Amino acid sequence: MLPIEPPIYRDLCAVVPGRRPPTGPAQALLDAVLDAVAADEDSATSSAAP
């Protein structure tokens, strides 16, 4: 893979019924997305620190 400058961002969403929890695969996807967002925020915060 080659780095793309500037990075290309995509909006992702998942829709789950409000009356029941997401399926196992859907929950795994949501957890992975949340982990990736948290890691990205952590790297942005640590990059901005002097």
N, C-alpha and C. Protein backbone atom coordinates (compact mmCIF):
# COMPACT_ATOMS: atom_id res chain seq x y z
N MET A 1 0.83 -1.16 0.00
CA MET A 1 0.00 0.00 0.00
C MET A 1 0.89 1.24 0.00
N LEU A 2 0.41 2.24 -0.66
CA LEU A 2 1.11 3.52 -0.68
C LEU A 2 0.34 4.52 0.18
N PRO A 3 1.06 5.34 0.92
CA PRO A 3 0.35 6.36 1.70
C PRO A 3 -0.31 7.37 0.77
N ILE A 4 -1.48 7.80 1.14
CA ILE A 4 -2.21 8.80 0.36
C ILE A 4 -2.19 10.10 1.13
N GLU A 5 -1.73 11.12 0.49
CA GLU A 5 -1.67 12.44 1.12
C GLU A 5 -2.53 13.40 0.34
N PRO A 6 -3.43 14.09 0.87
CA PRO A 6 -3.93 13.95 2.24
C PRO A 6 -4.75 12.68 2.38
N PRO A 7 -4.89 12.17 3.62
CA PRO A 7 -5.66 10.94 3.81
C PRO A 7 -7.11 11.10 3.34
N ILE A 8 -7.67 10.01 2.90
CA ILE A 8 -9.07 10.00 2.48
C ILE A 8 -9.88 9.42 3.64
N TYR A 9 -10.84 10.16 4.10
CA TYR A 9 -11.68 9.71 5.20
C TYR A 9 -13.05 9.31 4.67
N ARG A 10 -13.62 8.31 5.27
CA ARG A 10 -14.95 7.83 4.91
C ARG A 10 -15.81 7.82 6.16
N ASP A 11 -17.07 8.19 6.00
CA ASP A 11 -18.02 8.07 7.09
C ASP A 11 -18.60 6.67 7.06
N LEU A 12 -18.57 6.00 8.19
CA LEU A 12 -19.14 4.67 8.32
C LEU A 12 -20.26 4.73 9.35
N CYS A 13 -21.27 3.94 9.13
CA CYS A 13 -22.33 3.87 10.13
C CYS A 13 -22.87 2.45 10.17
N ALA A 14 -23.43 2.12 11.31
CA ALA A 14 -24.09 0.83 11.47
C ALA A 14 -25.46 1.10 12.05
N VAL A 15 -26.44 0.40 11.56
CA VAL A 15 -27.80 0.57 12.03
C VAL A 15 -28.22 -0.73 12.71
N VAL A 16 -28.64 -0.59 13.94
CA VAL A 16 -29.11 -1.75 14.69
C VAL A 16 -30.49 -1.42 15.27
N PRO A 17 -31.33 -2.43 15.44
CA PRO A 17 -32.64 -2.17 16.03
C PRO A 17 -32.49 -1.64 17.45
N GLY A 18 -33.34 -0.70 17.81
CA GLY A 18 -33.27 -0.10 19.13
C GLY A 18 -33.78 -1.00 20.24
N ARG A 19 -34.53 -2.04 19.87
CA ARG A 19 -35.15 -2.90 20.88
C ARG A 19 -34.38 -4.16 21.18
N ARG A 20 -33.28 -4.38 20.48
CA ARG A 20 -32.47 -5.57 20.77
C ARG A 20 -31.00 -5.24 20.52
N PRO A 21 -30.10 -5.94 21.19
CA PRO A 21 -28.68 -5.66 21.01
C PRO A 21 -28.20 -6.09 19.62
N PRO A 22 -27.09 -5.52 19.16
CA PRO A 22 -26.54 -5.94 17.86
C PRO A 22 -26.08 -7.39 17.89
N THR A 23 -26.06 -8.01 16.73
CA THR A 23 -25.55 -9.38 16.63
C THR A 23 -24.06 -9.39 16.98
N GLY A 24 -23.52 -10.56 17.18
CA GLY A 24 -22.09 -10.69 17.50
C GLY A 24 -21.19 -10.04 16.47
N PRO A 25 -21.38 -10.33 15.17
CA PRO A 25 -20.54 -9.69 14.15
C PRO A 25 -20.72 -8.17 14.12
N ALA A 26 -21.95 -7.70 14.28
CA ALA A 26 -22.18 -6.25 14.27
C ALA A 26 -21.49 -5.60 15.47
N GLN A 27 -21.56 -6.25 16.63
CA GLN A 27 -20.90 -5.71 17.83
C GLN A 27 -19.39 -5.70 17.64
N ALA A 28 -18.85 -6.74 17.02
CA ALA A 28 -17.40 -6.79 16.77
C ALA A 28 -16.98 -5.64 15.86
N LEU A 29 -17.78 -5.35 14.84
CA LEU A 29 -17.48 -4.23 13.96
C LEU A 29 -17.53 -2.91 14.73
N LEU A 30 -18.58 -2.72 15.53
CA LEU A 30 -18.69 -1.49 16.31
C LEU A 30 -17.51 -1.34 17.27
N ASP A 31 -17.11 -2.42 17.92
CA ASP A 31 -15.96 -2.37 18.83
C ASP A 31 -14.68 -2.02 18.09
N ALA A 32 -14.48 -2.60 16.90
CA ALA A 32 -13.28 -2.30 16.11
C ALA A 32 -13.24 -0.84 15.69
N VAL A 33 -14.40 -0.32 15.28
CA VAL A 33 -14.46 1.09 14.87
C VAL A 33 -14.16 1.99 16.06
N LEU A 34 -14.77 1.70 17.21
CA LEU A 34 -14.51 2.52 18.40
C LEU A 34 -13.04 2.46 18.81
N ASP A 35 -12.42 1.28 18.73
CA ASP A 35 -11.00 1.16 19.05
C ASP A 35 -10.15 1.97 18.09
N ALA A 36 -10.48 1.93 16.80
CA ALA A 36 -9.72 2.68 15.80
C ALA A 36 -9.85 4.18 16.02
N VAL A 37 -11.06 4.63 16.35
CA VAL A 37 -11.28 6.06 16.60
C VAL A 37 -10.51 6.48 17.84
N ALA A 38 -10.55 5.68 18.89
CA ALA A 38 -9.83 6.00 20.12
C ALA A 38 -8.33 6.05 19.87
N ALA A 39 -7.81 5.10 19.10
CA ALA A 39 -6.38 5.08 18.79
C ALA A 39 -5.99 6.31 17.97
N ASP A 40 -6.85 6.69 17.03
CA ASP A 40 -6.58 7.87 16.21
C ASP A 40 -6.58 9.13 17.06
N GLU A 41 -7.53 9.23 17.98
CA GLU A 41 -7.58 10.39 18.87
C GLU A 41 -6.37 10.42 19.79
N ASP A 42 -5.95 9.24 20.30
CA ASP A 42 -4.76 9.18 21.16
C ASP A 42 -3.51 9.62 20.40
N SER A 43 -3.37 9.18 19.16
CA SER A 43 -2.18 9.56 18.38
C SER A 43 -2.22 11.05 18.04
N ALA A 44 -3.39 11.59 17.80
CA ALA A 44 -3.49 13.03 17.52
C ALA A 44 -3.16 13.84 18.76
N THR A 45 -3.59 13.37 19.92
CA THR A 45 -3.31 14.06 21.17
C THR A 45 -1.83 14.01 21.51
N SER A 46 -1.21 12.83 21.32
CA SER A 46 0.20 12.72 21.64
C SER A 46 1.07 13.47 20.64
N SER A 47 0.60 13.60 19.40
CA SER A 47 1.35 14.35 18.39
C SER A 47 1.30 15.85 18.68
N ALA A 48 0.19 16.31 19.27
CA ALA A 48 0.02 17.73 19.53
C ALA A 48 0.75 18.16 20.80
N ALA A 49 1.09 17.22 21.68
CA ALA A 49 1.76 17.58 22.93
C ALA A 49 3.18 18.05 22.64
N PRO A 50 3.62 19.09 23.35
CA PRO A 50 4.99 19.61 23.10
C PRO A 50 6.06 18.69 23.59
